[in-house]
Amino acid sequence: MKGFNIAIVGATGLVGQEFIKVLEQRRFPMASVSLYASDRSAGRKLYVEHQEVEVQETTAHSFEHIDIALFSAGSEISLHFSPIAAQSGAVVIDNSAAFRMDPQVPLVVPEVNPEDIKGHKGIIANPNCSTIQMVVALNALHKANPIKRVIVDTYQSVSGTGAAAIEELNTQTKLVLEGQSTVPHVYPHQIAFNLLPEIDVFLDNGYTKEEWKMVEETRKIMHAKDMAISATCVRVPVYTGHSEAIHMEFTDPMTADEARRILAQAPGIKVLDEPGVSLYPHPWSVAGSDEVFVGRIRQDASHPNGLAMWVVADNLRKGAALNAVQIAEETVQRGWLGARR
C-alpha cells in the first residue's frame, strides 16, 4: 500500500503525542508526517519513526499536500482550520467537540458504526473519550437485545484535561503529603485526594456539558435517538484511564452469563470478570492498552430486564488517539478517503 501524507495538529499535546505512538505501533502507511501546533510550540522537535521532526505553526497553507489530518488542538482551532484542510483535499479526523453533533459530519467509533464514514464530506468527528468506551461495550449487547435505558457514572482521569492537570495533581499531592495547603488552578477545587463532580461547564438543565455529550453522542453513534440516557461525570485523582459504572435496561431479560459471552466475542473488548479472585478492570492496569475492558457484569437488582457492568479504558488511546487512527484505517481500507486518493 502506498504511504499517505499525514498531518498532526496539536502535536505537542498529550493526544498529539499519542497519535505519533499509535501510528508507529500500528504501522500505518505513512509517506510523510507533518507536525503542527501553535506559534508557542513551533520549533520544538519530536521523534517520528526515529527521525526528528520539527513542529511548525499551523497556517492556512499547512494542508496543501496532506492526505489525512489528525486534529487535537481544541474546538477553536478545529473550527478554523478543519474546513481549510478539507478544502485542500485532506480528510480531517477531529478529536474536538467542534463537529460532533453536526448532522453533516459522521461521528464514528469503528467497532460500532464504520459505515457512517462513507458519507463524510472531508471531516470526520472523533467522539468524546468517555462516550467511546461506553458505546463499544453497549453496542455489542444492544445488537443482541435492544437497550431502552442507560444510567452511567464516570470516574475520569486528569489526563483527560491535559498536561497541566497532570502537573497540578503531582504538585497538590506533594503539598498535601507535606501538610501544606493547595491553590487550584486547572480545576475549581483541589483534585489531589478528592473527587469533583464537574467536568466542563454546567448547562441550564443541571447537567455538565461532558454529561450531555455522552447523552447526545451515544444516540448519534448508535443510531438510537429514543434511547433514554442519564450520566454523572466525575473527575478523580487518577493519571490515566476512565472508568464507568453502567446500568442498562434491555427490551427483554438477559443473564449476566449471556452478556459475558457476547462481550467476550465482540471486537475491541476484553472481559475481566472473576470477582472471587478480585479480577476486574481498573485504570492502573489498563493504561497503555488498546481494548475496552469490562467486568463486574451482574443482574441489576432494581429491574428484571437490567444488567450492570464496570467499563475501563485508556482515555488517551481508545478514548482519543487510537480511535482516530482506527477511523483513518477504515477510511483507507474501504476506499473512502476521497478524490485525492
C-alpha atoms as a PDB file:
ATOM      1  CA  MET A   1       0.000   0.000   0.000  1.00  0.00           C
ATOM      2  CA  LYS A   2       1.278   3.426  -0.910  1.00  0.00           C
ATOM      3  CA  GLY A   3       2.062   5.705   2.001  1.00  0.00           C
ATOM      4  CA  PHE A   4      -0.042   8.720   2.932  1.00  0.00           C
ATOM      5  CA  ASN A   5       0.962  12.238   3.883  1.00  0.00           C
ATOM      6  CA  ILE A   6      -0.172  12.765   7.472  1.00  0.00           C
ATOM      7  CA  ALA A   7      -0.574  15.996   9.421  1.00  0.00           C
ATOM      8  CA  ILE A   8      -0.969  16.100  13.200  1.00  0.00           C
ATOM      9  CA  VAL A   9      -2.413  19.349  14.534  1.00  0.00           C
ATOM     10  CA  GLY A  10      -1.821  19.792  18.242  1.00  0.00           C
ATOM     11  CA  ALA A  11       1.222  17.537  18.019  1.00  0.00           C
ATOM     12  CA  THR A  12       2.813  18.666  21.285  1.00  0.00           C
ATOM     13  CA  GLY A  13      -0.240  17.858  23.429  1.00  0.00           C
ATOM     14  CA  LEU A  14      -0.896  14.569  25.217  1.00  0.00           C
ATOM     15  CA  VAL A  15      -3.199  13.262  22.476  1.00  0.00           C
ATOM     16  CA  GLY A  16      -0.980  14.627  19.714  1.00  0.00           C
ATOM     17  CA  GLN A  17       1.998  12.689  21.039  1.00  0.00           C
ATOM     18  CA  GLU A  18      -0.214   9.630  21.433  1.00  0.00           C
ATOM     19  CA  PHE A  19      -1.170   9.976  17.736  1.00  0.00           C
ATOM     20  CA  ILE A  20       2.502   9.516  16.870  1.00  0.00           C
ATOM     21  CA  LYS A  21       2.855   6.428  19.078  1.00  0.00           C
ATOM     22  CA  VAL A  22      -0.289   4.776  17.718  1.00  0.00           C
ATOM     23  CA  LEU A  23       0.597   5.462  14.069  1.00  0.00           C
ATOM     24  CA  GLU A  24       4.012   3.890  14.636  1.00  0.00           C
ATOM     25  CA  GLN A  25       2.764   0.917  16.639  1.00  0.00           C
ATOM     26  CA  ARG A  26       0.042   0.064  14.119  1.00  0.00           C
ATOM     27  CA  ARG A  27       2.431   0.605  11.203  1.00  0.00           C
ATOM     28  CA  PHE A  28       0.087   2.963   9.460  1.00  0.00           C
ATOM     29  CA  PRO A  29       1.356   3.521   5.885  1.00  0.00           C
ATOM     30  CA  MET A  30       2.961   6.948   6.167  1.00  0.00           C
ATOM     31  CA  ALA A  31       4.864   8.623   3.341  1.00  0.00           C
ATOM     32  CA  SER A  32       5.418  11.697   5.498  1.00  0.00           C
ATOM     33  CA  VAL A  33       4.313  13.161   8.828  1.00  0.00           C
ATOM     34  CA  SER A  34       3.999  16.918   9.386  1.00  0.00           C
ATOM     35  CA  LEU A  35       3.630  18.195  12.931  1.00  0.00           C
ATOM     36  CA  TYR A  36       1.708  21.384  13.684  1.00  0.00           C
ATOM     37  CA  ALA A  37       0.857  23.352  16.794  1.00  0.00           C
ATOM     38  CA  SER A  38       0.519  26.955  17.973  1.00  0.00           C
ATOM     39  CA  ASP A  39       3.232  29.543  17.462  1.00  0.00           C
ATOM     40  CA  ARG A  40       4.292  28.961  21.098  1.00  0.00           C
ATOM     41  CA  SER A  41       5.225  25.352  20.347  1.00  0.00           C
ATOM     42  CA  ALA A  42       6.678  25.909  16.881  1.00  0.00           C
ATOM     43  CA  GLY A  43      10.320  24.919  16.702  1.00  0.00           C
ATOM     44  CA  ARG A  44      10.058  22.018  19.134  1.00  0.00           C
ATOM     45  CA  LYS A  45      11.268  18.703  17.800  1.00  0.00           C
ATOM     46  CA  LEU A  46       9.569  15.346  18.258  1.00  0.00           C
ATOM     47  CA  TYR A  47      10.629  11.903  17.095  1.00  0.00           C
ATOM     48  CA  VAL A  48       8.577  10.137  14.430  1.00  0.00           C
ATOM     49  CA  GLU A  49       9.853   6.708  13.386  1.00  0.00           C
ATOM     50  CA  HIS A  50      13.255   7.505  14.932  1.00  0.00           C
ATOM     51  CA  GLN A  51      13.578  10.734  12.960  1.00  0.00           C
ATOM     52  CA  GLU A  52      13.454  14.227  14.430  1.00  0.00           C
ATOM     53  CA  VAL A  53      10.572  16.266  13.027  1.00  0.00           C
ATOM     54  CA  GLU A  54      10.261  19.966  13.753  1.00  0.00           C
ATOM     55  CA  VAL A  55       6.887  21.259  14.887  1.00  0.00           C
ATOM     56  CA  GLN A  56       5.574  24.055  12.683  1.00  0.00           C
ATOM     57  CA  GLU A  57       2.993  26.749  13.316  1.00  0.00           C
ATOM     58  CA  THR A  58      -0.415  25.838  11.880  1.00  0.00           C
ATOM     59  CA  THR A  59      -1.355  28.066   8.937  1.00  0.00           C
ATOM     60  CA  ALA A  60      -3.811  28.038   6.057  1.00  0.00           C
ATOM     61  CA  HIS A  61      -1.077  26.575   3.837  1.00  0.00           C
ATOM     62  CA  SER A  62      -0.248  23.646   6.135  1.00  0.00           C
ATOM     63  CA  PHE A  63      -2.511  21.136   4.357  1.00  0.00           C
ATOM     64  CA  GLU A  64      -1.770  21.595   0.666  1.00  0.00           C
ATOM     65  CA  HIS A  65      -0.210  18.152   0.186  1.00  0.00           C
ATOM     66  CA  ILE A  66      -1.824  16.334   3.120  1.00  0.00           C
ATOM     67  CA  ASP A  67      -3.999  13.236   2.727  1.00  0.00           C
ATOM     68  CA  ILE A  68      -5.109  12.767   6.363  1.00  0.00           C
ATOM     69  CA  ALA A  69      -5.096  15.436   9.067  1.00  0.00           C
ATOM     70  CA  LEU A  70      -5.463  14.344  12.692  1.00  0.00           C
ATOM     71  CA  PHE A  71      -6.641  17.254  14.863  1.00  0.00           C
ATOM     72  CA  SER A  72      -6.399  17.504  18.649  1.00  0.00           C
ATOM     73  CA  ALA A  73      -5.929  21.198  19.346  1.00  0.00           C
ATOM     74  CA  GLY A  74      -9.314  22.249  20.710  1.00  0.00           C
ATOM     75  CA  SER A  75     -12.576  23.352  19.158  1.00  0.00           C
ATOM     76  CA  GLU A  76     -11.481  26.864  18.223  1.00  0.00           C
ATOM     77  CA  ILE A  77      -8.546  25.627  16.146  1.00  0.00           C
ATOM     78  CA  SER A  78     -10.652  22.867  14.614  1.00  0.00           C
ATOM     79  CA  LEU A  79     -13.446  25.215  13.613  1.00  0.00           C
ATOM     80  CA  HIS A  80     -10.966  27.484  11.875  1.00  0.00           C
ATOM     81  CA  PHE A  81      -8.540  25.054  10.231  1.00  0.00           C
ATOM     82  CA  SER A  82     -10.555  21.860   9.610  1.00  0.00           C
ATOM     83  CA  PRO A  83     -12.593  23.338   6.737  1.00  0.00           C
ATOM     84  CA  ILE A  84      -9.389  24.752   5.244  1.00  0.00           C
ATOM     85  CA  ALA A  85      -7.726  21.343   5.443  1.00  0.00           C
ATOM     86  CA  ALA A  86     -10.762  19.634   3.895  1.00  0.00           C
ATOM     87  CA  GLN A  87     -10.899  22.189   1.070  1.00  0.00           C
ATOM     88  CA  SER A  88      -7.215  21.484   0.429  1.00  0.00           C
ATOM     89  CA  GLY A  89      -8.071  17.824  -0.205  1.00  0.00           C
ATOM     90  CA  ALA A  90      -7.250  16.294   3.171  1.00  0.00           C
ATOM     91  CA  VAL A  91      -9.613  14.121   5.196  1.00  0.00           C
ATOM     92  CA  VAL A  92      -9.810  15.611   8.676  1.00  0.00           C
ATOM     93  CA  ILE A  93     -10.328  13.389  11.725  1.00  0.00           C
ATOM     94  CA  ASP A  94     -11.091  15.818  14.521  1.00  0.00           C
ATOM     95  CA  ASN A  95     -10.786  14.995  18.210  1.00  0.00           C
ATOM     96  CA  SER A  96     -12.533  18.147  19.472  1.00  0.00           C
ATOM     97  CA  ALA A  97     -16.235  18.712  20.115  1.00  0.00           C
ATOM     98  CA  ALA A  98     -16.461  21.193  17.225  1.00  0.00           C
ATOM     99  CA  PHE A  99     -18.266  18.997  14.691  1.00  0.00           C
ATOM    100  CA  ARG A 100     -19.573  16.031  16.687  1.00  0.00           C
ATOM    101  CA  MET A 101     -23.233  16.976  16.589  1.00  0.00           C
ATOM    102  CA  ASP A 102     -23.146  18.476  13.092  1.00  0.00           C
ATOM    103  CA  PRO A 103     -25.613  16.339  11.086  1.00  0.00           C
ATOM    104  CA  GLN A 104     -23.322  16.613   8.041  1.00  0.00           C
ATOM    105  CA  VAL A 105     -20.308  15.164   9.916  1.00  0.00           C
ATOM    106  CA  PRO A 106     -20.018  11.454  10.758  1.00  0.00           C
ATOM    107  CA  LEU A 107     -19.303  10.707  14.427  1.00  0.00           C
ATOM    108  CA  VAL A 108     -17.537   7.361  14.404  1.00  0.00           C
ATOM    109  CA  VAL A 109     -16.389   4.515  16.608  1.00  0.00           C
ATOM    110  CA  PRO A 110     -15.135   1.857  14.156  1.00  0.00           C
ATOM    111  CA  GLU A 111     -16.381  -1.099  16.226  1.00  0.00           C
ATOM    112  CA  VAL A 112     -19.877   0.418  16.214  1.00  0.00           C
ATOM    113  CA  ASN A 113     -20.675   2.469  13.088  1.00  0.00           C
ATOM    114  CA  PRO A 114     -17.872   2.276  10.486  1.00  0.00           C
ATOM    115  CA  GLU A 115     -20.343   2.598   7.610  1.00  0.00           C
ATOM    116  CA  ASP A 116     -21.058   6.183   8.654  1.00  0.00           C
ATOM    117  CA  ILE A 117     -17.568   7.145   7.439  1.00  0.00           C
ATOM    118  CA  LYS A 118     -18.674   6.684   3.837  1.00  0.00           C
ATOM    119  CA  GLY A 119     -20.818   9.803   3.894  1.00  0.00           C
ATOM    120  CA  HIS A 120     -18.070  12.159   5.035  1.00  0.00           C
ATOM    121  CA  LYS A 121     -17.560  15.479   3.277  1.00  0.00           C
ATOM    122  CA  GLY A 122     -13.936  15.893   4.296  1.00  0.00           C
ATOM    123  CA  ILE A 123     -14.389  15.969   8.082  1.00  0.00           C
ATOM    124  CA  ILE A 124     -14.979  13.023  10.435  1.00  0.00           C
ATOM    125  CA  ALA A 125     -15.522  13.599  14.157  1.00  0.00           C
ATOM    126  CA  ASN A 126     -13.868  11.543  16.890  1.00  0.00           C
ATOM    127  CA  PRO A 127     -16.277  11.171  19.858  1.00  0.00           C
ATOM    128  CA  ASN A 128     -15.712  12.156  23.455  1.00  0.00           C
ATOM    129  CA  CYS A 129     -13.394   9.805  25.358  1.00  0.00           C
ATOM    130  CA  SER A 130     -15.998   8.660  27.883  1.00  0.00           C
ATOM    131  CA  THR A 131     -18.563   8.101  25.126  1.00  0.00           C
ATOM    132  CA  ILE A 132     -16.222   5.933  23.034  1.00  0.00           C
ATOM    133  CA  GLN A 133     -15.567   3.270  25.647  1.00  0.00           C
ATOM    134  CA  MET A 134     -19.208   3.153  26.686  1.00  0.00           C
ATOM    135  CA  VAL A 135     -20.630   2.650  23.175  1.00  0.00           C
ATOM    136  CA  VAL A 136     -18.100  -0.088  22.361  1.00  0.00           C
ATOM    137  CA  ALA A 137     -19.466  -2.054  25.324  1.00  0.00           C
ATOM    138  CA  LEU A 138     -23.120  -1.074  24.869  1.00  0.00           C
ATOM    139  CA  ASN A 139     -23.306  -1.769  21.144  1.00  0.00           C
ATOM    140  CA  ALA A 140     -22.355  -5.432  21.387  1.00  0.00           C
ATOM    141  CA  LEU A 141     -25.219  -6.014  23.834  1.00  0.00           C
ATOM    142  CA  HIS A 142     -27.644  -3.663  22.068  1.00  0.00           C
ATOM    143  CA  LYS A 143     -27.377  -5.694  18.838  1.00  0.00           C
ATOM    144  CA  ALA A 144     -28.442  -8.827  20.718  1.00  0.00           C
ATOM    145  CA  ASN A 145     -31.125  -7.237  22.890  1.00  0.00           C
ATOM    146  CA  PRO A 146     -32.084  -3.585  22.288  1.00  0.00           C
ATOM    147  CA  ILE A 147     -31.222  -1.296  25.203  1.00  0.00           C
ATOM    148  CA  LYS A 148     -34.015   1.033  26.306  1.00  0.00           C
ATOM    149  CA  ARG A 149     -32.284   2.957  29.100  1.00  0.00           C
ATOM    150  CA  VAL A 150     -28.743   3.644  30.326  1.00  0.00           C
ATOM    151  CA  ILE A 151     -27.551   5.238  33.564  1.00  0.00           C
ATOM    152  CA  VAL A 152     -23.793   5.825  33.656  1.00  0.00           C
ATOM    153  CA  ASP A 153     -21.493   7.274  36.302  1.00  0.00           C
ATOM    154  CA  THR A 154     -17.939   8.026  35.177  1.00  0.00           C
ATOM    155  CA  TYR A 155     -14.652   8.282  37.071  1.00  0.00           C
ATOM    156  CA  GLN A 156     -12.392  10.221  34.716  1.00  0.00           C
ATOM    157  CA  SER A 157      -8.638  10.711  34.993  1.00  0.00           C
ATOM    158  CA  VAL A 158      -6.855  14.062  34.952  1.00  0.00           C
ATOM    159  CA  SER A 159      -5.055  13.306  31.687  1.00  0.00           C
ATOM    160  CA  GLY A 160      -8.389  13.966  30.004  1.00  0.00           C
ATOM    161  CA  THR A 161      -7.842  17.638  30.853  1.00  0.00           C
ATOM    162  CA  GLY A 162      -4.248  17.781  29.621  1.00  0.00           C
ATOM    163  CA  ALA A 163      -0.645  18.052  30.786  1.00  0.00           C
ATOM    164  CA  ALA A 164      -1.341  21.000  33.105  1.00  0.00           C
ATOM    165  CA  ALA A 165      -3.859  18.873  35.049  1.00  0.00           C
ATOM    166  CA  ILE A 166      -1.330  16.073  35.483  1.00  0.00           C
ATOM    167  CA  GLU A 167       1.169  18.582  36.843  1.00  0.00           C
ATOM    168  CA  GLU A 168      -1.481  20.030  39.171  1.00  0.00           C
ATOM    169  CA  LEU A 169      -2.209  16.582  40.603  1.00  0.00           C
ATOM    170  CA  ASN A 170       1.533  15.997  41.086  1.00  0.00           C
ATOM    171  CA  THR A 171       2.049  19.328  42.840  1.00  0.00           C
ATOM    172  CA  GLN A 172      -1.043  19.115  45.040  1.00  0.00           C
ATOM    173  CA  THR A 173      -0.315  15.540  46.109  1.00  0.00           C
ATOM    174  CA  LYS A 174       3.172  16.558  47.239  1.00  0.00           C
ATOM    175  CA  LEU A 175       1.855  19.593  49.117  1.00  0.00           C
ATOM    176  CA  VAL A 176      -0.887  17.633  50.898  1.00  0.00           C
ATOM    177  CA  LEU A 177       1.528  14.911  51.966  1.00  0.00           C
ATOM    178  CA  GLU A 178       3.801  17.624  53.368  1.00  0.00           C
ATOM    179  CA  GLY A 179       0.890  19.106  55.322  1.00  0.00           C
ATOM    180  CA  GLN A 180       0.674  22.257  53.227  1.00  0.00           C
ATOM    181  CA  SER A 181      -2.332  23.922  51.642  1.00  0.00           C
ATOM    182  CA  THR A 182      -3.047  23.896  47.908  1.00  0.00           C
ATOM    183  CA  VAL A 183      -4.282  26.501  45.448  1.00  0.00           C
ATOM    184  CA  PRO A 184      -6.191  25.039  42.472  1.00  0.00           C
ATOM    185  CA  HIS A 185      -5.604  26.458  39.004  1.00  0.00           C
ATOM    186  CA  VAL A 186      -6.791  23.895  36.447  1.00  0.00           C
ATOM    187  CA  TYR A 187      -9.819  22.700  38.434  1.00  0.00           C
ATOM    188  CA  PRO A 188     -12.221  24.716  40.619  1.00  0.00           C
ATOM    189  CA  HIS A 189     -11.160  22.748  43.705  1.00  0.00           C
ATOM    190  CA  GLN A 190      -8.234  20.630  44.856  1.00  0.00           C
ATOM    191  CA  ILE A 191      -8.073  17.381  42.848  1.00  0.00           C
ATOM    192  CA  ALA A 192      -5.494  15.579  44.991  1.00  0.00           C
ATOM    193  CA  PHE A 193      -7.237  13.092  47.340  1.00  0.00           C
ATOM    194  CA  ASN A 194     -10.562  14.468  46.122  1.00  0.00           C
ATOM    195  CA  LEU A 195     -13.433  13.914  43.661  1.00  0.00           C
ATOM    196  CA  LEU A 196     -15.033  16.641  41.538  1.00  0.00           C
ATOM    197  CA  PRO A 197     -18.497  16.031  40.032  1.00  0.00           C
ATOM    198  CA  GLU A 198     -17.878  18.807  37.491  1.00  0.00           C
ATOM    199  CA  ILE A 199     -16.377  18.129  34.062  1.00  0.00           C
ATOM    200  CA  ASP A 200     -16.767  21.003  31.599  1.00  0.00           C
ATOM    201  CA  VAL A 201     -19.356  23.730  32.246  1.00  0.00           C
ATOM    202  CA  PHE A 202     -22.799  23.350  33.802  1.00  0.00           C
ATOM    203  CA  LEU A 203     -25.788  23.659  31.480  1.00  0.00           C
ATOM    204  CA  ASP A 204     -29.225  25.100  32.238  1.00  0.00           C
ATOM    205  CA  ASN A 205     -30.647  21.580  32.669  1.00  0.00           C
ATOM    206  CA  GLY A 206     -28.312  20.868  35.610  1.00  0.00           C
ATOM    207  CA  TYR A 207     -26.067  18.500  33.670  1.00  0.00           C
ATOM    208  CA  THR A 208     -22.494  19.348  32.764  1.00  0.00           C
ATOM    209  CA  LYS A 209     -21.503  19.644  29.132  1.00  0.00           C
ATOM    210  CA  GLU A 210     -19.474  16.433  29.475  1.00  0.00           C
ATOM    211  CA  GLU A 211     -22.525  14.562  30.719  1.00  0.00           C
ATOM    212  CA  TRP A 212     -24.712  15.883  27.925  1.00  0.00           C
ATOM    213  CA  LYS A 213     -22.067  14.915  25.356  1.00  0.00           C
ATOM    214  CA  MET A 214     -22.440  11.317  26.496  1.00  0.00           C
ATOM    215  CA  VAL A 215     -26.210  11.513  26.005  1.00  0.00           C
ATOM    216  CA  GLU A 216     -26.236  13.103  22.557  1.00  0.00           C
ATOM    217  CA  GLU A 217     -23.146  11.416  21.118  1.00  0.00           C
ATOM    218  CA  THR A 218     -24.275   7.935  22.167  1.00  0.00           C
ATOM    219  CA  ARG A 219     -27.615   8.377  20.431  1.00  0.00           C
ATOM    220  CA  LYS A 220     -25.928   9.626  17.241  1.00  0.00           C
ATOM    221  CA  ILE A 221     -23.258   6.911  17.089  1.00  0.00           C
ATOM    222  CA  MET A 222     -25.649   4.047  17.845  1.00  0.00           C
ATOM    223  CA  HIS A 223     -28.494   5.460  15.721  1.00  0.00           C
ATOM    224  CA  ALA A 224     -30.691   5.187  18.823  1.00  0.00           C
ATOM    225  CA  LYS A 225     -32.448   8.554  19.065  1.00  0.00           C
ATOM    226  CA  ASP A 226     -35.013   7.227  21.566  1.00  0.00           C
ATOM    227  CA  MET A 227     -32.544   5.610  23.987  1.00  0.00           C
ATOM    228  CA  ALA A 228     -33.003   7.097  27.476  1.00  0.00           C
ATOM    229  CA  ILE A 229     -29.603   8.070  28.903  1.00  0.00           C
ATOM    230  CA  SER A 230     -28.506   9.834  32.081  1.00  0.00           C
ATOM    231  CA  ALA A 231     -24.873  10.499  33.032  1.00  0.00           C
ATOM    232  CA  THR A 232     -22.939  11.816  36.022  1.00  0.00           C
ATOM    233  CA  CYS A 233     -19.281  12.560  35.223  1.00  0.00           C
ATOM    234  CA  VAL A 234     -16.711  12.812  37.999  1.00  0.00           C
ATOM    235  CA  ARG A 235     -13.037  13.842  37.834  1.00  0.00           C
ATOM    236  CA  VAL A 236     -10.864  11.623  40.043  1.00  0.00           C
ATOM    237  CA  PRO A 237      -7.192  11.810  41.121  1.00  0.00           C
ATOM    238  CA  VAL A 238      -6.060   9.159  38.634  1.00  0.00           C
ATOM    239  CA  TYR A 239      -3.468   9.891  35.951  1.00  0.00           C
ATOM    240  CA  THR A 240      -4.659   7.743  33.039  1.00  0.00           C
ATOM    241  CA  GLY A 241      -7.793   5.716  32.370  1.00  0.00           C
ATOM    242  CA  HIS A 242     -11.509   6.441  32.584  1.00  0.00           C
ATOM    243  CA  SER A 243     -13.818   4.095  34.500  1.00  0.00           C
ATOM    244  CA  GLU A 244     -17.588   3.827  34.169  1.00  0.00           C
ATOM    245  CA  ALA A 245     -20.346   2.166  36.182  1.00  0.00           C
ATOM    246  CA  ILE A 246     -23.095   1.430  33.658  1.00  0.00           C
ATOM    247  CA  HIS A 247     -26.643   0.249  34.377  1.00  0.00           C
ATOM    248  CA  MET A 248     -28.735  -0.883  31.396  1.00  0.00           C
ATOM    249  CA  GLU A 249     -32.389  -1.715  30.897  1.00  0.00           C
ATOM    250  CA  PHE A 250     -32.975  -4.115  27.991  1.00  0.00           C
ATOM    251  CA  THR A 251     -36.084  -4.833  25.955  1.00  0.00           C
ATOM    252  CA  ASP A 252     -36.037  -8.451  27.191  1.00  0.00           C
ATOM    253  CA  PRO A 253     -34.322 -10.119  30.142  1.00  0.00           C
ATOM    254  CA  MET A 254     -30.640 -11.002  29.665  1.00  0.00           C
ATOM    255  CA  THR A 255     -28.491 -13.053  32.003  1.00  0.00           C
ATOM    256  CA  ALA A 256     -25.048 -11.965  33.135  1.00  0.00           C
ATOM    257  CA  ASP A 257     -23.559 -15.110  31.582  1.00  0.00           C
ATOM    258  CA  GLU A 258     -25.134 -14.301  28.225  1.00  0.00           C
ATOM    259  CA  ALA A 259     -23.757 -10.768  28.396  1.00  0.00           C
ATOM    260  CA  ARG A 260     -20.263 -12.076  29.231  1.00  0.00           C
ATOM    261  CA  ARG A 261     -20.369 -14.410  26.239  1.00  0.00           C
ATOM    262  CA  ILE A 262     -21.464 -11.636  23.864  1.00  0.00           C
ATOM    263  CA  LEU A 263     -18.888  -9.181  25.158  1.00  0.00           C
ATOM    264  CA  ALA A 264     -16.065 -11.727  25.058  1.00  0.00           C
ATOM    265  CA  GLN A 265     -16.696 -12.246  21.337  1.00  0.00           C
ATOM    266  CA  ALA A 266     -17.065  -8.567  20.462  1.00  0.00           C
ATOM    267  CA  PRO A 267     -14.253  -6.659  18.697  1.00  0.00           C
ATOM    268  CA  GLY A 268     -12.190  -4.314  20.813  1.00  0.00           C
ATOM    269  CA  ILE A 269     -13.396  -5.710  24.152  1.00  0.00           C
ATOM    270  CA  LYS A 270     -11.634  -7.756  26.797  1.00  0.00           C
ATOM    271  CA  VAL A 271     -13.678  -9.261  29.635  1.00  0.00           C
ATOM    272  CA  LEU A 272     -12.031  -9.449  33.070  1.00  0.00           C
ATOM    273  CA  ASP A 273     -14.722 -10.742  35.375  1.00  0.00           C
ATOM    274  CA  GLU A 274     -13.858 -13.140  38.181  1.00  0.00           C
ATOM    275  CA  PRO A 275     -14.885 -11.399  41.420  1.00  0.00           C
ATOM    276  CA  GLY A 276     -13.838 -14.396  43.536  1.00  0.00           C
ATOM    277  CA  VAL A 277     -10.176 -13.595  42.823  1.00  0.00           C
ATOM    278  CA  SER A 278     -10.681  -9.804  42.599  1.00  0.00           C
ATOM    279  CA  LEU A 279     -10.304  -9.874  38.820  1.00  0.00           C
ATOM    280  CA  TYR A 280     -11.897  -6.815  37.241  1.00  0.00           C
ATOM    281  CA  PRO A 281     -10.537  -3.901  35.197  1.00  0.00           C
ATOM    282  CA  HIS A 282      -9.033  -0.853  36.889  1.00  0.00           C
ATOM    283  CA  PRO A 283      -7.272   2.170  35.385  1.00  0.00           C
ATOM    284  CA  TRP A 284      -3.771   1.389  36.644  1.00  0.00           C
ATOM    285  CA  SER A 285      -3.766  -1.983  34.879  1.00  0.00           C
ATOM    286  CA  VAL A 286      -5.271  -0.860  31.550  1.00  0.00           C
ATOM    287  CA  ALA A 287      -3.068   2.194  30.937  1.00  0.00           C
ATOM    288  CA  GLY A 288      -1.276   1.754  27.619  1.00  0.00           C
ATOM    289  CA  SER A 289      -3.779  -0.850  26.381  1.00  0.00           C
ATOM    290  CA  ASP A 290      -5.976  -0.574  23.301  1.00  0.00           C
ATOM    291  CA  GLU A 291      -9.012  -2.591  24.384  1.00  0.00           C
ATOM    292  CA  VAL A 292     -12.121  -1.576  26.277  1.00  0.00           C
ATOM    293  CA  PHE A 293     -12.147  -3.702  29.435  1.00  0.00           C
ATOM    294  CA  VAL A 294     -15.388  -4.931  31.014  1.00  0.00           C
ATOM    295  CA  GLY A 295     -16.017  -6.602  34.369  1.00  0.00           C
ATOM    296  CA  ARG A 296     -18.420  -6.742  37.348  1.00  0.00           C
ATOM    297  CA  ILE A 297     -21.173  -7.942  34.972  1.00  0.00           C
ATOM    298  CA  ARG A 298     -24.249  -8.731  37.071  1.00  0.00           C
ATOM    299  CA  GLN A 299     -28.012  -8.567  37.226  1.00  0.00           C
ATOM    300  CA  ASP A 300     -29.352  -5.158  38.181  1.00  0.00           C
ATOM    301  CA  ALA A 301     -31.317  -5.812  41.350  1.00  0.00           C
ATOM    302  CA  SER A 302     -33.585  -2.831  40.638  1.00  0.00           C
ATOM    303  CA  HIS A 303     -35.063  -4.055  37.336  1.00  0.00           C
ATOM    304  CA  PRO A 304     -35.949  -7.506  35.907  1.00  0.00           C
ATOM    305  CA  ASN A 305     -34.557  -6.555  32.478  1.00  0.00           C
ATOM    306  CA  GLY A 306     -31.480  -4.849  33.911  1.00  0.00           C
ATOM    307  CA  LEU A 307     -27.749  -5.528  33.929  1.00  0.00           C
ATOM    308  CA  ALA A 308     -24.870  -3.596  35.471  1.00  0.00           C
ATOM    309  CA  MET A 309     -21.223  -3.587  34.423  1.00  0.00           C
ATOM    310  CA  TRP A 310     -17.914  -1.806  35.012  1.00  0.00           C
ATOM    311  CA  VAL A 311     -16.041  -0.476  31.958  1.00  0.00           C
ATOM    312  CA  VAL A 312     -12.468   0.890  31.885  1.00  0.00           C
ATOM    313  CA  ALA A 313     -10.252   2.133  29.048  1.00  0.00           C
ATOM    314  CA  ASP A 314      -7.151   4.241  28.440  1.00  0.00           C
ATOM    315  CA  ASN A 315      -8.661   7.633  27.597  1.00  0.00           C
ATOM    316  CA  LEU A 316      -5.617   8.809  25.629  1.00  0.00           C
ATOM    317  CA  ARG A 317      -5.598   5.710  23.434  1.00  0.00           C
ATOM    318  CA  LYS A 318      -9.026   4.205  22.749  1.00  0.00           C
ATOM    319  CA  GLY A 319     -10.642   7.352  24.090  1.00  0.00           C
ATOM    320  CA  ALA A 320      -8.787   9.576  21.633  1.00  0.00           C
ATOM    321  CA  ALA A 321      -5.724   8.762  19.501  1.00  0.00           C
ATOM    322  CA  LEU A 322      -6.349   5.084  18.782  1.00  0.00           C
ATOM    323  CA  ASN A 323      -9.974   5.615  17.796  1.00  0.00           C
ATOM    324  CA  ALA A 324      -8.930   8.387  15.383  1.00  0.00           C
ATOM    325  CA  VAL A 325      -6.264   6.210  13.780  1.00  0.00           C
ATOM    326  CA  GLN A 326      -8.756   3.339  13.503  1.00  0.00           C
ATOM    327  CA  ILE A 327     -11.073   5.730  11.651  1.00  0.00           C
ATOM    328  CA  ALA A 328      -8.191   6.561   9.310  1.00  0.00           C
ATOM    329  CA  GLU A 329      -7.509   2.844   8.761  1.00  0.00           C
ATOM    330  CA  GLU A 330     -11.147   2.134   7.937  1.00  0.00           C
ATOM    331  CA  THR A 331     -11.271   5.121   5.578  1.00  0.00           C
ATOM    332  CA  VAL A 332      -8.189   3.927   3.703  1.00  0.00           C
ATOM    333  CA  GLN A 333      -9.078   0.224   3.618  1.00  0.00           C
ATOM    334  CA  ARG A 334     -12.599   0.843   2.329  1.00  0.00           C
ATOM    335  CA  GLY A 335     -11.507   3.368  -0.295  1.00  0.00           C
ATOM    336  CA  TRP A 336     -13.435   6.228   1.307  1.00  0.00           C
ATOM    337  CA  LEU A 337     -10.554   8.694   1.536  1.00  0.00           C
ATOM    338  CA  GLY A 338     -11.852  10.917  -1.240  1.00  0.00           C
ATOM    339  CA  ALA A 339     -10.907  12.348  -4.606  1.00  0.00           C
ATOM    340  CA  ARG A 340      -7.191  12.843  -3.972  1.00  0.00           C
ATOM    341  CA  ARG A 341      -6.673   9.080  -3.459  1.00  0.00           C
END
